[in-house]
PDB file of N, CA and C in Angstrom:
ATOM      1  N   MET A   1      11.904  19.406  27.191  1.00  0.00           N
ATOM      2  CA  MET A   1      12.217  19.467  25.776  1.00  0.00           C
ATOM      3  C   MET A   1      12.793  18.116  25.348  1.00  0.00           C
ATOM      4  N   ALA A   2      12.382  17.639  24.202  1.00  0.00           N
ATOM      5  CA  ALA A   2      12.839  16.360  23.666  1.00  0.00           C
ATOM      6  C   ALA A   2      14.174  16.518  22.951  1.00  0.00           C
ATOM      7  N   ASN A   3      14.975  15.470  22.989  1.00  0.00           N
ATOM      8  CA  ASN A   3      16.228  15.433  22.239  1.00  0.00           C
ATOM      9  C   ASN A   3      15.970  14.835  20.872  1.00  0.00           C
ATOM     10  N   THR A   4      16.796  15.194  19.909  1.00  0.00           N
ATOM     11  CA  THR A   4      16.713  14.635  18.573  1.00  0.00           C
ATOM     12  C   THR A   4      17.980  13.836  18.318  1.00  0.00           C
ATOM     13  N   THR A   5      17.824  12.641  17.789  1.00  0.00           N
ATOM     14  CA  THR A   5      18.957  11.788  17.470  1.00  0.00           C
ATOM     15  C   THR A   5      18.996  11.571  15.968  1.00  0.00           C
ATOM     16  N   PHE A   6      20.186  11.648  15.383  1.00  0.00           N
ATOM     17  CA  PHE A   6      20.364  11.443  13.955  1.00  0.00           C
ATOM     18  C   PHE A   6      21.211  10.192  13.752  1.00  0.00           C
ATOM     19  N   SER A   7      20.870   9.404  12.763  1.00  0.00           N
ATOM     20  CA  SER A   7      21.622   8.184  12.492  1.00  0.00           C
ATOM     21  C   SER A   7      22.671   8.373  11.407  1.00  0.00           C
ATOM     22  N   GLY A   8      22.775   9.585  10.883  1.00  0.00           N
ATOM     23  CA  GLY A   8      23.773   9.892   9.857  1.00  0.00           C
ATOM     24  C   GLY A   8      24.102  11.361   9.904  1.00  0.00           C
ATOM     25  N   PRO A   9      24.878  11.842   8.959  1.00  0.00           N
ATOM     26  CA  PRO A   9      25.264  13.243   8.940  1.00  0.00           C
ATOM     27  C   PRO A   9      24.048  14.163   8.784  1.00  0.00           C
ATOM     28  N   VAL A  10      24.106  15.306   9.418  1.00  0.00           N
ATOM     29  CA  VAL A  10      23.081  16.325   9.255  1.00  0.00           C
ATOM     30  C   VAL A  10      23.533  17.237   8.128  1.00  0.00           C
ATOM     31  N   LYS A  11      22.697  17.407   7.129  1.00  0.00           N
ATOM     32  CA  LYS A  11      23.064  18.231   5.978  1.00  0.00           C
ATOM     33  C   LYS A  11      22.255  19.519   5.984  1.00  0.00           C
ATOM     34  N   VAL A  12      22.970  20.633   5.903  1.00  0.00           N
ATOM     35  CA  VAL A  12      22.314  21.928   5.772  1.00  0.00           C
ATOM     36  C   VAL A  12      21.898  22.055   4.322  1.00  0.00           C
ATOM     37  N   SER A  13      20.618  22.335   4.072  1.00  0.00           N
ATOM     38  CA  SER A  13      20.069  22.215   2.722  1.00  0.00           C
ATOM     39  C   SER A  13      20.416  23.360   1.780  1.00  0.00           C
ATOM     40  N   THR A  14      20.748  24.529   2.312  1.00  0.00           N
ATOM     41  CA  THR A  14      21.041  25.678   1.456  1.00  0.00           C
ATOM     42  C   THR A  14      22.481  26.118   1.664  1.00  0.00           C
ATOM     43  N   THR A  15      23.156  26.433   0.582  1.00  0.00           N
ATOM     44  CA  THR A  15      24.518  26.961   0.657  1.00  0.00           C
ATOM     45  C   THR A  15      24.480  28.457   0.434  1.00  0.00           C
ATOM     46  N   PHE A  16      25.169  29.193   1.303  1.00  0.00           N
ATOM     47  CA  PHE A  16      25.271  30.640   1.182  1.00  0.00           C
ATOM     48  C   PHE A  16      26.701  31.039   0.896  1.00  0.00           C
ATOM     49  N   THR A  17      26.891  32.252   0.414  1.00  0.00           N
ATOM     50  CA  THR A  17      28.199  32.885   0.362  1.00  0.00           C
ATOM     51  C   THR A  17      28.165  34.007   1.395  1.00  0.00           C
ATOM     52  N   VAL A  18      29.310  34.576   1.696  1.00  0.00           N
ATOM     53  CA  VAL A  18      29.355  35.698   2.635  1.00  0.00           C
ATOM     54  C   VAL A  18      28.415  36.808   2.171  1.00  0.00           C
ATOM     55  N   ALA A  19      28.341  37.024   0.871  1.00  0.00           N
ATOM     56  CA  ALA A  19      27.501  38.094   0.321  1.00  0.00           C
ATOM     57  C   ALA A  19      26.009  37.793   0.378  1.00  0.00           C
ATOM     58  N   THR A  20      25.622  36.512   0.539  1.00  0.00           N
ATOM     59  CA  THR A  20      24.199  36.164   0.479  1.00  0.00           C
ATOM     60  C   THR A  20      23.623  35.621   1.786  1.00  0.00           C
ATOM     61  N   VAL A  21      24.372  35.683   2.898  1.00  0.00           N
ATOM     62  CA  VAL A  21      23.828  35.158   4.159  1.00  0.00           C
ATOM     63  C   VAL A  21      22.570  35.931   4.543  1.00  0.00           C
ATOM     64  N   PRO A  22      21.600  35.253   5.162  1.00  0.00           N
ATOM     65  CA  PRO A  22      20.376  35.943   5.576  1.00  0.00           C
ATOM     66  C   PRO A  22      20.635  36.891   6.753  1.00  0.00           C
ATOM     67  N   ASP A  23      19.656  37.685   7.064  1.00  0.00           N
ATOM     68  CA  ASP A  23      19.750  38.643   8.167  1.00  0.00           C
ATOM     69  C   ASP A  23      19.927  37.894   9.487  1.00  0.00           C
ATOM     70  N   ALA A  24      21.045  38.103  10.146  1.00  0.00           N
ATOM     71  CA  ALA A  24      21.342  37.402  11.400  1.00  0.00           C
ATOM     72  C   ALA A  24      20.380  37.780  12.515  1.00  0.00           C
ATOM     73  N   THR A  25      19.828  38.976  12.464  1.00  0.00           N
ATOM     74  CA  THR A  25      18.910  39.396  13.527  1.00  0.00           C
ATOM     75  C   THR A  25      17.593  38.625  13.479  1.00  0.00           C
ATOM     76  N   LEU A  26      17.296  38.005  12.342  1.00  0.00           N
ATOM     77  CA  LEU A  26      16.069  37.220  12.208  1.00  0.00           C
ATOM     78  C   LEU A  26      16.320  35.725  12.396  1.00  0.00           C
ATOM     79  N   SER A  27      17.570  35.350  12.714  1.00  0.00           N
ATOM     80  CA  SER A  27      17.936  33.934  12.732  1.00  0.00           C
ATOM     81  C   SER A  27      18.702  33.521  13.979  1.00  0.00           C
ATOM     82  N   GLU A  28      18.506  34.192  15.104  1.00  0.00           N
ATOM     83  CA  GLU A  28      19.272  33.885  16.317  1.00  0.00           C
ATOM     84  C   GLU A  28      19.167  32.398  16.654  1.00  0.00           C
ATOM     85  N   GLY A  29      20.318  31.769  16.880  1.00  0.00           N
ATOM     86  CA  GLY A  29      20.379  30.345  17.183  1.00  0.00           C
ATOM     87  C   GLY A  29      20.448  29.464  15.957  1.00  0.00           C
ATOM     88  N   GLY A  30      20.294  30.044  14.774  1.00  0.00           N
ATOM     89  CA  GLY A  30      20.338  29.274  13.536  1.00  0.00           C
ATOM     90  C   GLY A  30      21.752  28.956  13.096  1.00  0.00           C
ATOM     91  N   GLN A  31      21.884  27.946  12.267  1.00  0.00           N
ATOM     92  CA  GLN A  31      23.164  27.565  11.683  1.00  0.00           C
ATOM     93  C   GLN A  31      23.024  27.502  10.172  1.00  0.00           C
ATOM     94  N   ILE A  32      24.080  27.901   9.476  1.00  0.00           N
ATOM     95  CA  ILE A  32      24.087  27.867   8.017  1.00  0.00           C
ATOM     96  C   ILE A  32      25.450  27.378   7.518  1.00  0.00           C
ATOM     97  N   TYR A  33      25.467  26.910   6.270  1.00  0.00           N
ATOM     98  CA  TYR A  33      26.702  26.530   5.584  1.00  0.00           C
ATOM     99  C   TYR A  33      27.090  27.681   4.671  1.00  0.00           C
ATOM    100  N   VAL A  34      28.308  28.197   4.833  1.00  0.00           N
ATOM    101  CA  VAL A  34      28.800  29.312   4.016  1.00  0.00           C
ATOM    102  C   VAL A  34      30.011  28.807   3.247  1.00  0.00           C
ATOM    103  N   ASN A  35      29.887  28.734   1.916  1.00  0.00           N
ATOM    104  CA  ASN A  35      30.938  28.071   1.134  1.00  0.00           C
ATOM    105  C   ASN A  35      32.223  28.871   0.991  1.00  0.00           C
ATOM    106  N   ASN A  36      32.243  30.120   1.459  1.00  0.00           N
ATOM    107  CA  ASN A  36      33.484  30.905   1.389  1.00  0.00           C
ATOM    108  C   ASN A  36      33.696  31.750   2.647  1.00  0.00           C
ATOM    109  N   GLY A  37      33.141  31.328   3.771  1.00  0.00           N
ATOM    110  CA  GLY A  37      33.131  32.167   4.968  1.00  0.00           C
ATOM    111  C   GLY A  37      34.352  32.097   5.855  1.00  0.00           C
ATOM    112  N   ALA A  38      35.247  31.138   5.621  1.00  0.00           N
ATOM    113  CA  ALA A  38      36.464  31.002   6.428  1.00  0.00           C
ATOM    114  C   ALA A  38      37.659  31.422   5.581  1.00  0.00           C
ATOM    115  N   ASN A  39      37.747  32.708   5.328  1.00  0.00           N
ATOM    116  CA  ASN A  39      38.817  33.245   4.474  1.00  0.00           C
ATOM    117  C   ASN A  39      38.821  32.577   3.109  1.00  0.00           C
ATOM    118  N   GLY A  40      37.617  32.356   2.575  1.00  0.00           N
ATOM    119  CA  GLY A  40      37.456  31.762   1.253  1.00  0.00           C
ATOM    120  C   GLY A  40      37.148  30.277   1.272  1.00  0.00           C
ATOM    121  N   SER A  41      37.249  29.631   2.418  1.00  0.00           N
ATOM    122  CA  SER A  41      36.959  28.198   2.543  1.00  0.00           C
ATOM    123  C   SER A  41      35.592  27.983   3.186  1.00  0.00           C
ATOM    124  N   PRO A  42      35.003  26.791   3.008  1.00  0.00           N
ATOM    125  CA  PRO A  42      33.684  26.509   3.574  1.00  0.00           C
ATOM    126  C   PRO A  42      33.711  26.461   5.103  1.00  0.00           C
ATOM    127  N   ILE A  43      32.574  26.841   5.723  1.00  0.00           N
ATOM    128  CA  ILE A  43      32.464  26.844   7.183  1.00  0.00           C
ATOM    129  C   ILE A  43      30.983  26.789   7.571  1.00  0.00           C
ATOM    130  N   ILE A  44      30.712  26.207   8.718  1.00  0.00           N
ATOM    131  CA  ILE A  44      29.384  26.315   9.331  1.00  0.00           C
ATOM    132  C   ILE A  44      29.406  27.581  10.184  1.00  0.00           C
ATOM    133  N   ALA A  45      28.331  28.352  10.121  1.00  0.00           N
ATOM    134  CA  ALA A  45      28.232  29.583  10.901  1.00  0.00           C
ATOM    135  C   ALA A  45      26.955  29.565  11.724  1.00  0.00           C
ATOM    136  N   PHE A  46      26.951  30.320  12.817  1.00  0.00           N
ATOM    137  CA  PHE A  46      25.767  30.427  13.658  1.00  0.00           C
ATOM    138  C   PHE A  46      25.439  31.896  13.885  1.00  0.00           C
ATOM    139  N   SER A  47      24.163  32.170  14.124  1.00  0.00           N
ATOM    140  CA  SER A  47      23.729  33.535  14.398  1.00  0.00           C
ATOM    141  C   SER A  47      23.630  33.743  15.901  1.00  0.00           C
ATOM    142  N   ASN A  48      24.232  34.829  16.378  1.00  0.00           N
ATOM    143  CA  ASN A  48      24.096  35.196  17.792  1.00  0.00           C
ATOM    144  C   ASN A  48      23.011  36.260  17.971  1.00  0.00           C
ATOM    145  N   GLY A  49      22.240  36.492  16.922  1.00  0.00           N
ATOM    146  CA  GLY A  49      21.189  37.494  16.950  1.00  0.00           C
ATOM    147  C   GLY A  49      21.631  38.850  16.442  1.00  0.00           C
ATOM    148  N   THR A  50      22.923  38.995  16.219  1.00  0.00           N
ATOM    149  CA  THR A  50      23.497  40.234  15.708  1.00  0.00           C
ATOM    150  C   THR A  50      24.285  40.002  14.425  1.00  0.00           C
ATOM    151  N   ALA A  51      25.060  38.895  14.403  1.00  0.00           N
ATOM    152  CA  ALA A  51      25.937  38.603  13.267  1.00  0.00           C
ATOM    153  C   ALA A  51      26.036  37.095  13.073  1.00  0.00           C
ATOM    154  N   TRP A  52      26.484  36.695  11.889  1.00  0.00           N
ATOM    155  CA  TRP A  52      26.817  35.304  11.621  1.00  0.00           C
ATOM    156  C   TRP A  52      28.276  35.123  11.998  1.00  0.00           C
ATOM    157  N   LEU A  53      28.563  34.107  12.824  1.00  0.00           N
ATOM    158  CA  LEU A  53      29.911  33.857  13.317  1.00  0.00           C
ATOM    159  C   LEU A  53      30.361  32.462  12.940  1.00  0.00           C
ATOM    160  N   ARG A  54      31.657  32.313  12.698  1.00  0.00           N
ATOM    161  CA  ARG A  54      32.242  31.020  12.371  1.00  0.00           C
ATOM    162  C   ARG A  54      32.148  30.081  13.563  1.00  0.00           C
ATOM    163  N   CYS A  55      31.785  28.826  13.326  1.00  0.00           N
ATOM    164  CA  CYS A  55      31.680  27.870  14.415  1.00  0.00           C
ATOM    165  C   CYS A  55      33.044  27.467  15.002  1.00  0.00           C
ATOM    166  N   ASP A  56      34.111  27.567  14.228  1.00  0.00           N
ATOM    167  CA  ASP A  56      35.416  27.135  14.729  1.00  0.00           C
ATOM    168  C   ASP A  56      36.094  28.177  15.616  1.00  0.00           C
ATOM    169  N   THR A  57      35.844  29.465  15.361  1.00  0.00           N
ATOM    170  CA  THR A  57      36.561  30.506  16.107  1.00  0.00           C
ATOM    171  C   THR A  57      35.623  31.530  16.743  1.00  0.00           C
ATOM    172  N   ALA A  58      34.351  31.498  16.393  1.00  0.00           N
ATOM    173  CA  ALA A  58      33.365  32.514  16.797  1.00  0.00           C
ATOM    174  C   ALA A  58      33.744  33.886  16.249  1.00  0.00           C
ATOM    175  N   GLY A  59      34.605  33.905  15.241  1.00  0.00           N
ATOM    176  CA  GLY A  59      34.980  35.143  14.569  1.00  0.00           C
ATOM    177  C   GLY A  59      34.030  35.455  13.434  1.00  0.00           C
ATOM    178  N   ALA A  60      34.178  36.639  12.899  1.00  0.00           N
ATOM    179  CA  ALA A  60      33.331  37.089  11.795  1.00  0.00           C
ATOM    180  C   ALA A  60      33.611  36.283  10.528  1.00  0.00           C
ATOM    181  N   LEU A  61      32.597  36.136   9.695  1.00  0.00           N
ATOM    182  CA  LEU A  61      32.776  35.516   8.382  1.00  0.00           C
ATOM    183  C   LEU A  61      33.619  36.427   7.503  1.00  0.00           C
ATOM    184  N   SER A  62      34.425  35.819   6.634  1.00  0.00           N
ATOM    185  CA  SER A  62      35.250  36.595   5.719  1.00  0.00           C
ATOM    186  C   SER A  62      35.501  35.784   4.464  1.00  0.00           C
ATOM    187  N   ALA A  63      35.252  36.392   3.317  1.00  0.00           N
ATOM    188  CA  ALA A  63      35.486  35.714   2.038  1.00  0.00           C
ATOM    189  C   ALA A  63      36.958  35.776   1.636  1.00  0.00           C
ATOM    190  N   THR A  64      37.712  36.660   2.253  1.00  0.00           N
ATOM    191  CA  THR A  64      39.140  36.791   1.902  1.00  0.00           C
ATOM    192  C   THR A  64      40.022  36.624   3.111  1.00  0.00           C
TER     193      THR A  64
END
């Protein structure tokens, strides 16, 4: 498998809210930007094939 190198920041093109995240079961291994997923603050989340989890704690997304 080839590696990918980026010369600048990687930008996730779509912003989601906790209420609008896609189905995690269809996105295993995917990453998304959730503008209110860390108790109301922005966070990158990843799908484990069951749920979207916060990248900083591996905890569930939460808008509050």
